[in-house]
Amino acid sequence: MSTSRLSLNQITTKGWSLPEAVQGCVDAGIPAIGLWRDKVADTGVAEAAKLVRDAGLAVSTLCRGGFLTATGAEGRRAALAENLRALEEAAELGTDTLVMVVGGLPEGSRDLAGARERVAELLGELAPHAGDFGVRLAIEPLHPMFCADRAVVSTLGQALDLAERFPVDQVGVVVDSYHVWWDPELAAQIARAGAGGRIASYQVCDWTLPLPVDALLGRGHVGDGHIDFAALTRMVTDAGYTGWIEVEIFNETTWDTPGRQTLATMIERHHSYVEAP
């Protein structure tokens, strides 16, 4: 079985520095890495790009841009400036995908429709710049429990409604198993995304119970929870996606586990569940 499409999202081995994560991927035979901007900043963008390039790794994604729901001219200017920096970093690092977590409700606001429209407006300003950089803005819908604080885009259908306003080479979507597996419209929306060439990234981890106090950390290794990865991967594959399959796990136990052990488990679960017929 092959790991030729497997990627380590850097948050999965949170305790590793970028050099440690790069070396871990090389030693484990994982050909790609999804980078996080804070870890890149610790190393420096130019040095990070050289480190990954010299190791022969591809950069599957850069996490993250977004947080586009701020109100007021100052908040809008800050969001645009930060996302332009993220696009520039993505281009320098050699990835064509900037993951976008669009942001939750501004403090004190209950105007969900207004927040979503601000996302669309700022995407409209950013999309042409994304095209100039050769980097796609990849809108990631998050599970509805994160709607208030992290992402007012909760379903793949909502993400596609936004993405389809813009050229396909400028804006796409992320299919993240943790966030979309529950959606009764998932099969139809994945097919829609594939037909339009909009799937920019496929991220995997499992939905495990009980949820921790911080629900963000409730992700497990593929196979530890409730998601049917054979069926989900078949949907994504049938939709024409042939890109990286990126393992992204937020979990305190995983973070406390030695990185090399985590990568070994990733590979074993990839073979057993994601690649399984």
C-alpha atoms as a PDB file:
ATOM      1  CA  MET A   1       0.000   0.000   0.000  1.00  0.00           C
ATOM      2  CA  SER A   2       1.153   3.501  -0.797  1.00  0.00           C
ATOM      3  CA  THR A   3       1.643   6.661   1.235  1.00  0.00           C
ATOM      4  CA  SER A   4       2.155   8.657  -1.954  1.00  0.00           C
ATOM      5  CA  ARG A   5      -0.754  11.022  -1.188  1.00  0.00           C
ATOM      6  CA  LEU A   6      -0.367  11.185   2.588  1.00  0.00           C
ATOM      7  CA  SER A   7       0.444  14.502   4.276  1.00  0.00           C
ATOM      8  CA  LEU A   8       1.136  15.425   7.880  1.00  0.00           C
ATOM      9  CA  ASN A   9      -0.710  18.520   8.981  1.00  0.00           C
ATOM     10  CA  GLN A  10       1.773  20.068  11.369  1.00  0.00           C
ATOM     11  CA  ILE A  11      -0.720  20.553  14.211  1.00  0.00           C
ATOM     12  CA  THR A  12      -0.909  16.748  14.590  1.00  0.00           C
ATOM     13  CA  THR A  13       2.607  16.801  16.035  1.00  0.00           C
ATOM     14  CA  LYS A  14       2.184  20.108  17.837  1.00  0.00           C
ATOM     15  CA  GLY A  15       5.204  19.594  20.085  1.00  0.00           C
ATOM     16  CA  TRP A  16       7.600  19.324  17.161  1.00  0.00           C
ATOM     17  CA  SER A  17       9.390  22.305  15.705  1.00  0.00           C
ATOM     18  CA  LEU A  18       9.303  22.676  11.944  1.00  0.00           C
ATOM     19  CA  PRO A  19      12.745  21.058  11.503  1.00  0.00           C
ATOM     20  CA  GLU A  20      11.624  18.134  13.672  1.00  0.00           C
ATOM     21  CA  ALA A  21       8.381  17.710  11.719  1.00  0.00           C
ATOM     22  CA  VAL A  22      10.217  17.824   8.396  1.00  0.00           C
ATOM     23  CA  GLN A  23      12.730  15.218   9.539  1.00  0.00           C
ATOM     24  CA  GLY A  24       9.933  13.066  10.941  1.00  0.00           C
ATOM     25  CA  CYS A  25       8.173  13.051   7.571  1.00  0.00           C
ATOM     26  CA  VAL A  26      11.393  12.193   5.755  1.00  0.00           C
ATOM     27  CA  ASP A  27      12.166   9.328   8.135  1.00  0.00           C
ATOM     28  CA  ALA A  28       8.598   7.957   7.941  1.00  0.00           C
ATOM     29  CA  GLY A  29       8.337   8.235   4.160  1.00  0.00           C
ATOM     30  CA  ILE A  30       5.523  10.798   4.276  1.00  0.00           C
ATOM     31  CA  PRO A  31       5.943  12.957   1.157  1.00  0.00           C
ATOM     32  CA  ALA A  32       4.086  16.137   2.163  1.00  0.00           C
ATOM     33  CA  ILE A  33       3.464  18.447   5.069  1.00  0.00           C
ATOM     34  CA  GLY A  34       0.741  20.977   5.833  1.00  0.00           C
ATOM     35  CA  LEU A  35       2.366  23.943   7.528  1.00  0.00           C
ATOM     36  CA  TRP A  36       1.073  26.293  10.237  1.00  0.00           C
ATOM     37  CA  ARG A  37       1.971  29.940  10.116  1.00  0.00           C
ATOM     38  CA  ASP A  38       3.083  30.174  13.752  1.00  0.00           C
ATOM     39  CA  LYS A  39       5.572  27.322  13.305  1.00  0.00           C
ATOM     40  CA  VAL A  40       6.789  28.857  10.065  1.00  0.00           C
ATOM     41  CA  ALA A  41       7.251  32.187  11.841  1.00  0.00           C
ATOM     42  CA  ASP A  42       9.406  30.496  14.498  1.00  0.00           C
ATOM     43  CA  THR A  43      11.786  29.382  11.747  1.00  0.00           C
ATOM     44  CA  GLY A  44      11.327  32.268   9.317  1.00  0.00           C
ATOM     45  CA  VAL A  45       9.493  31.968   6.009  1.00  0.00           C
ATOM     46  CA  ALA A  46      12.574  31.870   3.789  1.00  0.00           C
ATOM     47  CA  GLU A  47      14.356  29.334   5.976  1.00  0.00           C
ATOM     48  CA  ALA A  48      11.190  27.235   6.286  1.00  0.00           C
ATOM     49  CA  ALA A  49      10.785  27.169   2.509  1.00  0.00           C
ATOM     50  CA  LYS A  50      14.405  26.093   2.073  1.00  0.00           C
ATOM     51  CA  LEU A  51      14.123  23.460   4.803  1.00  0.00           C
ATOM     52  CA  VAL A  52      11.086  21.822   3.231  1.00  0.00           C
ATOM     53  CA  ARG A  53      12.435  22.117  -0.300  1.00  0.00           C
ATOM     54  CA  ASP A  54      15.823  20.636   0.618  1.00  0.00           C
ATOM     55  CA  ALA A  55      14.058  17.709   2.308  1.00  0.00           C
ATOM     56  CA  GLY A  56      12.150  16.959  -0.898  1.00  0.00           C
ATOM     57  CA  LEU A  57       8.741  17.459   0.716  1.00  0.00           C
ATOM     58  CA  ALA A  58       5.699  19.027  -0.876  1.00  0.00           C
ATOM     59  CA  VAL A  59       3.694  21.597   1.090  1.00  0.00           C
ATOM     60  CA  SER A  60       0.088  20.439   0.897  1.00  0.00           C
ATOM     61  CA  THR A  61      -1.469  23.493   2.568  1.00  0.00           C
ATOM     62  CA  LEU A  62      -0.728  26.501   4.711  1.00  0.00           C
ATOM     63  CA  CYS A  63      -2.928  26.991   7.778  1.00  0.00           C
ATOM     64  CA  ARG A  64      -4.391  29.439   8.024  1.00  0.00           C
ATOM     65  CA  GLY A  65      -5.999  32.547   6.683  1.00  0.00           C
ATOM     66  CA  GLY A  66      -9.505  33.837   7.213  1.00  0.00           C
ATOM     67  CA  PHE A  67     -11.187  35.504  10.205  1.00  0.00           C
ATOM     68  CA  LEU A  68     -13.026  37.843   7.882  1.00  0.00           C
ATOM     69  CA  THR A  69     -16.058  38.717  10.018  1.00  0.00           C
ATOM     70  CA  ALA A  70     -14.722  41.731  11.954  1.00  0.00           C
ATOM     71  CA  THR A  71     -16.876  44.826  11.841  1.00  0.00           C
ATOM     72  CA  GLY A  72     -15.681  48.362  11.120  1.00  0.00           C
ATOM     73  CA  ALA A  73     -13.145  49.799   8.709  1.00  0.00           C
ATOM     74  CA  GLU A  74     -10.167  49.118  10.965  1.00  0.00           C
ATOM     75  CA  GLY A  75     -11.073  45.465  11.472  1.00  0.00           C
ATOM     76  CA  ARG A  76     -11.613  45.041   7.765  1.00  0.00           C
ATOM     77  CA  ARG A  77      -8.241  46.602   6.905  1.00  0.00           C
ATOM     78  CA  ALA A  78      -6.483  44.400   9.456  1.00  0.00           C
ATOM     79  CA  ALA A  79      -8.113  41.234   8.099  1.00  0.00           C
ATOM     80  CA  LEU A  80      -7.177  42.098   4.526  1.00  0.00           C
ATOM     81  CA  ALA A  81      -3.582  42.886   5.457  1.00  0.00           C
ATOM     82  CA  GLU A  82      -3.169  39.679   7.454  1.00  0.00           C
ATOM     83  CA  ASN A  83      -4.577  37.538   4.665  1.00  0.00           C
ATOM     84  CA  LEU A  84      -2.382  39.202   2.062  1.00  0.00           C
ATOM     85  CA  ARG A  85       0.610  38.306   4.249  1.00  0.00           C
ATOM     86  CA  ALA A  86      -0.651  34.730   4.455  1.00  0.00           C
ATOM     87  CA  LEU A  87      -0.988  34.529   0.662  1.00  0.00           C
ATOM     88  CA  GLU A  88       2.537  35.828   0.214  1.00  0.00           C
ATOM     89  CA  GLU A  89       3.850  33.268   2.717  1.00  0.00           C
ATOM     90  CA  ALA A  90       1.973  30.446   0.995  1.00  0.00           C
ATOM     91  CA  ALA A  91       3.490  31.364  -2.353  1.00  0.00           C
ATOM     92  CA  GLU A  92       6.990  31.555  -0.893  1.00  0.00           C
ATOM     93  CA  LEU A  93       6.540  28.192   0.839  1.00  0.00           C
ATOM     94  CA  GLY A  94       5.493  26.586  -2.427  1.00  0.00           C
ATOM     95  CA  THR A  95       1.914  25.594  -1.690  1.00  0.00           C
ATOM     96  CA  ASP A  96      -1.086  26.424  -3.861  1.00  0.00           C
ATOM     97  CA  THR A  97      -3.596  26.182  -0.975  1.00  0.00           C
ATOM     98  CA  LEU A  98      -4.274  28.604   1.884  1.00  0.00           C
ATOM     99  CA  VAL A  99      -6.834  27.140   4.281  1.00  0.00           C
ATOM    100  CA  MET A 100      -9.437  29.735   5.277  1.00  0.00           C
ATOM    101  CA  VAL A 101     -11.242  29.529   8.631  1.00  0.00           C
ATOM    102  CA  VAL A 102     -13.644  32.374   7.996  1.00  0.00           C
ATOM    103  CA  GLY A 103     -14.303  33.553  11.560  1.00  0.00           C
ATOM    104  CA  GLY A 104     -17.209  33.542  13.980  1.00  0.00           C
ATOM    105  CA  LEU A 105     -19.612  36.181  15.165  1.00  0.00           C
ATOM    106  CA  PRO A 106     -17.984  39.421  16.304  1.00  0.00           C
ATOM    107  CA  GLU A 107     -18.183  39.974  20.055  1.00  0.00           C
ATOM    108  CA  GLY A 108     -21.696  40.915  21.099  1.00  0.00           C
ATOM    109  CA  SER A 109     -23.184  40.253  17.653  1.00  0.00           C
ATOM    110  CA  ARG A 110     -26.056  37.938  16.775  1.00  0.00           C
ATOM    111  CA  ASP A 111     -26.115  38.939  13.098  1.00  0.00           C
ATOM    112  CA  LEU A 112     -25.166  35.656  11.454  1.00  0.00           C
ATOM    113  CA  ALA A 113     -26.336  36.679   7.979  1.00  0.00           C
ATOM    114  CA  GLY A 114     -24.351  39.894   8.181  1.00  0.00           C
ATOM    115  CA  ALA A 115     -21.214  38.050   9.250  1.00  0.00           C
ATOM    116  CA  ARG A 116     -21.516  35.683   6.315  1.00  0.00           C
ATOM    117  CA  GLU A 117     -21.939  38.572   3.901  1.00  0.00           C
ATOM    118  CA  ARG A 118     -18.789  40.238   5.258  1.00  0.00           C
ATOM    119  CA  VAL A 119     -16.953  36.993   4.534  1.00  0.00           C
ATOM    120  CA  ALA A 120     -18.176  37.152   0.931  1.00  0.00           C
ATOM    121  CA  GLU A 121     -17.177  40.808   0.593  1.00  0.00           C
ATOM    122  CA  LEU A 122     -13.638  40.279   1.858  1.00  0.00           C
ATOM    123  CA  LEU A 123     -13.212  37.147  -0.216  1.00  0.00           C
ATOM    124  CA  GLY A 124     -14.101  39.331  -3.186  1.00  0.00           C
ATOM    125  CA  GLU A 125     -11.206  41.636  -2.342  1.00  0.00           C
ATOM    126  CA  LEU A 126      -8.761  38.812  -1.648  1.00  0.00           C
ATOM    127  CA  ALA A 127      -9.579  36.488  -4.555  1.00  0.00           C
ATOM    128  CA  PRO A 128      -7.817  38.490  -7.292  1.00  0.00           C
ATOM    129  CA  HIS A 129      -4.692  38.688  -5.125  1.00  0.00           C
ATOM    130  CA  ALA A 130      -4.872  34.923  -4.611  1.00  0.00           C
ATOM    131  CA  GLY A 131      -4.877  34.542  -8.377  1.00  0.00           C
ATOM    132  CA  ASP A 132      -1.828  36.775  -8.651  1.00  0.00           C
ATOM    133  CA  PHE A 133       0.036  34.659  -6.102  1.00  0.00           C
ATOM    134  CA  GLY A 134      -1.060  31.348  -7.664  1.00  0.00           C
ATOM    135  CA  VAL A 135      -2.610  30.302  -4.353  1.00  0.00           C
ATOM    136  CA  ARG A 136      -6.220  29.221  -3.838  1.00  0.00           C
ATOM    137  CA  LEU A 137      -8.258  30.418  -0.898  1.00  0.00           C
ATOM    138  CA  ALA A 138      -9.668  27.145   0.452  1.00  0.00           C
ATOM    139  CA  ILE A 139     -12.810  27.811   2.496  1.00  0.00           C
ATOM    140  CA  GLU A 140     -13.121  25.304   5.324  1.00  0.00           C
ATOM    141  CA  PRO A 141     -16.626  24.776   6.688  1.00  0.00           C
ATOM    142  CA  LEU A 142     -16.492  23.955  10.393  1.00  0.00           C
ATOM    143  CA  HIS A 143     -18.944  21.871  12.407  1.00  0.00           C
ATOM    144  CA  PRO A 144     -21.925  23.993  13.512  1.00  0.00           C
ATOM    145  CA  MET A 145     -20.795  23.926  17.156  1.00  0.00           C
ATOM    146  CA  PHE A 146     -18.023  26.341  16.094  1.00  0.00           C
ATOM    147  CA  CYS A 147     -20.350  28.754  14.308  1.00  0.00           C
ATOM    148  CA  ALA A 148     -20.317  31.424  17.017  1.00  0.00           C
ATOM    149  CA  ASP A 149     -16.586  31.608  17.638  1.00  0.00           C
ATOM    150  CA  ARG A 150     -14.680  30.201  14.659  1.00  0.00           C
ATOM    151  CA  ALA A 151     -16.605  29.826  11.416  1.00  0.00           C
ATOM    152  CA  VAL A 152     -19.986  31.141  10.330  1.00  0.00           C
ATOM    153  CA  VAL A 153     -19.698  28.756   7.372  1.00  0.00           C
ATOM    154  CA  SER A 154     -20.907  25.401   8.702  1.00  0.00           C
ATOM    155  CA  THR A 155     -21.638  23.186   5.701  1.00  0.00           C
ATOM    156  CA  LEU A 156     -19.929  22.275   2.479  1.00  0.00           C
ATOM    157  CA  GLY A 157     -22.934  23.664   0.637  1.00  0.00           C
ATOM    158  CA  GLN A 158     -22.471  27.072   2.280  1.00  0.00           C
ATOM    159  CA  ALA A 159     -18.755  27.001   1.461  1.00  0.00           C
ATOM    160  CA  LEU A 160     -19.525  26.223  -2.177  1.00  0.00           C
ATOM    161  CA  ASP A 161     -22.126  28.992  -2.354  1.00  0.00           C
ATOM    162  CA  LEU A 162     -19.309  31.373  -1.454  1.00  0.00           C
ATOM    163  CA  ALA A 163     -16.587  29.766  -3.558  1.00  0.00           C
ATOM    164  CA  GLU A 164     -18.682  29.654  -6.713  1.00  0.00           C
ATOM    165  CA  ARG A 165     -18.878  33.454  -6.766  1.00  0.00           C
ATOM    166  CA  PHE A 166     -15.208  33.480  -7.778  1.00  0.00           C
ATOM    167  CA  PRO A 167     -12.950  31.876 -10.396  1.00  0.00           C
ATOM    168  CA  VAL A 168     -12.124  28.256  -9.622  1.00  0.00           C
ATOM    169  CA  ASP A 169      -8.382  28.905  -9.543  1.00  0.00           C
ATOM    170  CA  GLN A 170      -8.870  31.555  -6.857  1.00  0.00           C
ATOM    171  CA  VAL A 171     -11.324  30.013  -4.376  1.00  0.00           C
ATOM    172  CA  GLY A 172     -11.996  26.393  -3.472  1.00  0.00           C
ATOM    173  CA  VAL A 173     -13.177  24.394  -0.465  1.00  0.00           C
ATOM    174  CA  VAL A 174     -11.757  22.029   2.134  1.00  0.00           C
ATOM    175  CA  VAL A 175     -13.404  18.684   2.818  1.00  0.00           C
ATOM    176  CA  ASP A 176     -12.467  18.007   6.459  1.00  0.00           C
ATOM    177  CA  SER A 177     -13.903  14.745   7.736  1.00  0.00           C
ATOM    178  CA  TYR A 178     -14.328  16.012  11.308  1.00  0.00           C
ATOM    179  CA  HIS A 179     -16.440  18.953  10.251  1.00  0.00           C
ATOM    180  CA  VAL A 180     -18.602  17.514   7.463  1.00  0.00           C
ATOM    181  CA  TRP A 181     -19.160  13.801   8.144  1.00  0.00           C
ATOM    182  CA  TRP A 182     -22.568  14.369   9.776  1.00  0.00           C
ATOM    183  CA  ASP A 183     -24.103  16.380   6.907  1.00  0.00           C
ATOM    184  CA  PRO A 184     -27.093  14.624   5.258  1.00  0.00           C
ATOM    185  CA  GLU A 185     -26.295  16.530   2.039  1.00  0.00           C
ATOM    186  CA  LEU A 186     -22.628  15.517   2.056  1.00  0.00           C
ATOM    187  CA  ALA A 187     -22.607  13.148  -0.920  1.00  0.00           C
ATOM    188  CA  ALA A 188     -24.420  15.621  -3.157  1.00  0.00           C
ATOM    189  CA  GLN A 189     -22.233  18.534  -2.066  1.00  0.00           C
ATOM    190  CA  ILE A 190     -18.978  16.617  -2.563  1.00  0.00           C
ATOM    191  CA  ALA A 191     -20.169  15.675  -6.052  1.00  0.00           C
ATOM    192  CA  ARG A 192     -21.029  19.339  -6.678  1.00  0.00           C
ATOM    193  CA  ALA A 193     -17.584  20.415  -5.457  1.00  0.00           C
ATOM    194  CA  GLY A 194     -15.891  17.878  -7.673  1.00  0.00           C
ATOM    195  CA  ALA A 195     -17.907  18.793 -10.753  1.00  0.00           C
ATOM    196  CA  GLY A 196     -16.797  22.385 -10.342  1.00  0.00           C
ATOM    197  CA  GLY A 197     -13.177  21.529  -9.594  1.00  0.00           C
ATOM    198  CA  ARG A 198     -13.503  23.165  -6.184  1.00  0.00           C
ATOM    199  CA  ILE A 199     -11.968  20.567  -3.827  1.00  0.00           C
ATOM    200  CA  ALA A 200      -8.693  22.131  -2.754  1.00  0.00           C
ATOM    201  CA  SER A 201      -7.910  19.884   0.222  1.00  0.00           C
ATOM    202  CA  TYR A 202      -9.070  16.667   1.873  1.00  0.00           C
ATOM    203  CA  GLN A 203      -8.285  16.560   5.598  1.00  0.00           C
ATOM    204  CA  VAL A 204      -8.924  13.555   7.812  1.00  0.00           C
ATOM    205  CA  CYS A 205      -9.275  12.705  11.480  1.00  0.00           C
ATOM    206  CA  ASP A 206     -12.008  10.927  13.425  1.00  0.00           C
ATOM    207  CA  TRP A 207     -14.948  12.044  15.560  1.00  0.00           C
ATOM    208  CA  THR A 208     -14.430  10.526  19.006  1.00  0.00           C
ATOM    209  CA  LEU A 209     -16.568  10.490  22.143  1.00  0.00           C
ATOM    210  CA  PRO A 210     -16.896  11.732  24.783  1.00  0.00           C
ATOM    211  CA  LEU A 211     -16.134  15.239  23.593  1.00  0.00           C
ATOM    212  CA  PRO A 212     -13.617  17.021  25.817  1.00  0.00           C
ATOM    213  CA  VAL A 213     -14.418  20.271  27.601  1.00  0.00           C
ATOM    214  CA  ASP A 214     -12.656  22.046  24.731  1.00  0.00           C
ATOM    215  CA  ALA A 215     -14.543  20.480  21.828  1.00  0.00           C
ATOM    216  CA  LEU A 216     -11.836  21.637  19.411  1.00  0.00           C
ATOM    217  CA  LEU A 217      -9.605  18.920  20.874  1.00  0.00           C
ATOM    218  CA  GLY A 218     -12.074  16.086  20.294  1.00  0.00           C
ATOM    219  CA  ARG A 219     -10.393  14.703  17.178  1.00  0.00           C
ATOM    220  CA  GLY A 220      -8.863  11.242  17.083  1.00  0.00           C
ATOM    221  CA  HIS A 221      -6.795   9.149  14.756  1.00  0.00           C
ATOM    222  CA  VAL A 222      -8.646   7.748  11.769  1.00  0.00           C
ATOM    223  CA  GLY A 223     -10.361   4.562  12.947  1.00  0.00           C
ATOM    224  CA  ASP A 224     -10.757   5.631  16.587  1.00  0.00           C
ATOM    225  CA  GLY A 225     -14.263   7.056  16.188  1.00  0.00           C
ATOM    226  CA  HIS A 226     -17.461   7.114  14.178  1.00  0.00           C
ATOM    227  CA  ILE A 227     -16.614   8.233  10.632  1.00  0.00           C
ATOM    228  CA  ASP A 228     -16.863   5.824   7.696  1.00  0.00           C
ATOM    229  CA  PHE A 229     -13.633   6.752   5.924  1.00  0.00           C
ATOM    230  CA  ALA A 230     -13.941   4.202   3.151  1.00  0.00           C
ATOM    231  CA  ALA A 231     -17.276   5.730   2.134  1.00  0.00           C
ATOM    232  CA  LEU A 232     -16.105   9.319   2.567  1.00  0.00           C
ATOM    233  CA  THR A 233     -12.902   8.788   0.617  1.00  0.00           C
ATOM    234  CA  ARG A 234     -14.872   7.072  -2.132  1.00  0.00           C
ATOM    235  CA  MET A 235     -17.099  10.164  -2.410  1.00  0.00           C
ATOM    236  CA  VAL A 236     -14.070  12.442  -2.658  1.00  0.00           C
ATOM    237  CA  THR A 237     -12.331  10.148  -5.148  1.00  0.00           C
ATOM    238  CA  ASP A 238     -15.451   9.751  -7.294  1.00  0.00           C
ATOM    239  CA  ALA A 239     -15.658  13.554  -7.356  1.00  0.00           C
ATOM    240  CA  GLY A 240     -12.303  13.576  -9.129  1.00  0.00           C
ATOM    241  CA  TYR A 241     -10.024  14.656  -6.284  1.00  0.00           C
ATOM    242  CA  THR A 242      -6.497  13.269  -6.651  1.00  0.00           C
ATOM    243  CA  GLY A 243      -4.634  15.585  -4.273  1.00  0.00           C
ATOM    244  CA  TRP A 244      -3.119  15.228  -0.833  1.00  0.00           C
ATOM    245  CA  ILE A 245      -4.861  13.463   2.044  1.00  0.00           C
ATOM    246  CA  GLU A 246      -3.818  15.491   5.057  1.00  0.00           C
ATOM    247  CA  VAL A 247      -4.067  14.178   8.625  1.00  0.00           C
ATOM    248  CA  GLU A 248      -5.032  17.004  10.998  1.00  0.00           C
ATOM    249  CA  ILE A 249      -5.564  16.035  14.646  1.00  0.00           C
ATOM    250  CA  PHE A 250      -6.218  18.359  17.570  1.00  0.00           C
ATOM    251  CA  ASN A 251      -5.974  16.137  20.645  1.00  0.00           C
ATOM    252  CA  GLU A 252      -4.042  16.471  23.906  1.00  0.00           C
ATOM    253  CA  THR A 253      -3.291  12.741  24.102  1.00  0.00           C
ATOM    254  CA  THR A 254      -1.959  12.712  20.553  1.00  0.00           C
ATOM    255  CA  TRP A 255       0.134  15.792  21.277  1.00  0.00           C
ATOM    256  CA  ASP A 256       1.613  14.064  24.349  1.00  0.00           C
ATOM    257  CA  THR A 257       2.542  11.008  22.266  1.00  0.00           C
ATOM    258  CA  PRO A 258       6.055  10.846  20.751  1.00  0.00           C
ATOM    259  CA  GLY A 259       5.888  12.226  17.230  1.00  0.00           C
ATOM    260  CA  ARG A 260       7.379   9.198  15.545  1.00  0.00           C
ATOM    261  CA  GLN A 261       4.741   6.995  17.148  1.00  0.00           C
ATOM    262  CA  THR A 262       2.026   9.360  15.941  1.00  0.00           C
ATOM    263  CA  LEU A 263       3.339   9.182  12.366  1.00  0.00           C
ATOM    264  CA  ALA A 264       3.496   5.392  12.514  1.00  0.00           C
ATOM    265  CA  THR A 265      -0.148   5.302  13.626  1.00  0.00           C
ATOM    266  CA  MET A 266      -1.102   7.753  10.863  1.00  0.00           C
ATOM    267  CA  ILE A 267       0.423   5.511   8.221  1.00  0.00           C
ATOM    268  CA  GLU A 268      -1.147   2.339   9.603  1.00  0.00           C
ATOM    269  CA  ARG A 269      -4.601   3.938   9.792  1.00  0.00           C
ATOM    270  CA  HIS A 270      -4.228   5.414   6.307  1.00  0.00           C
ATOM    271  CA  HIS A 271      -3.636   1.944   4.917  1.00  0.00           C
ATOM    272  CA  SER A 272      -6.370   0.295   7.007  1.00  0.00           C
ATOM    273  CA  TYR A 273      -9.177   2.825   6.671  1.00  0.00           C
ATOM    274  CA  VAL A 274      -8.586   5.504   4.053  1.00  0.00           C
ATOM    275  CA  GLU A 275      -7.145   3.268   1.356  1.00  0.00           C
ATOM    276  CA  ALA A 276      -9.356   0.306   2.253  1.00  0.00           C
ATOM    277  CA  PRO A 277     -11.588  -0.845  -0.610  1.00  0.00           C
END
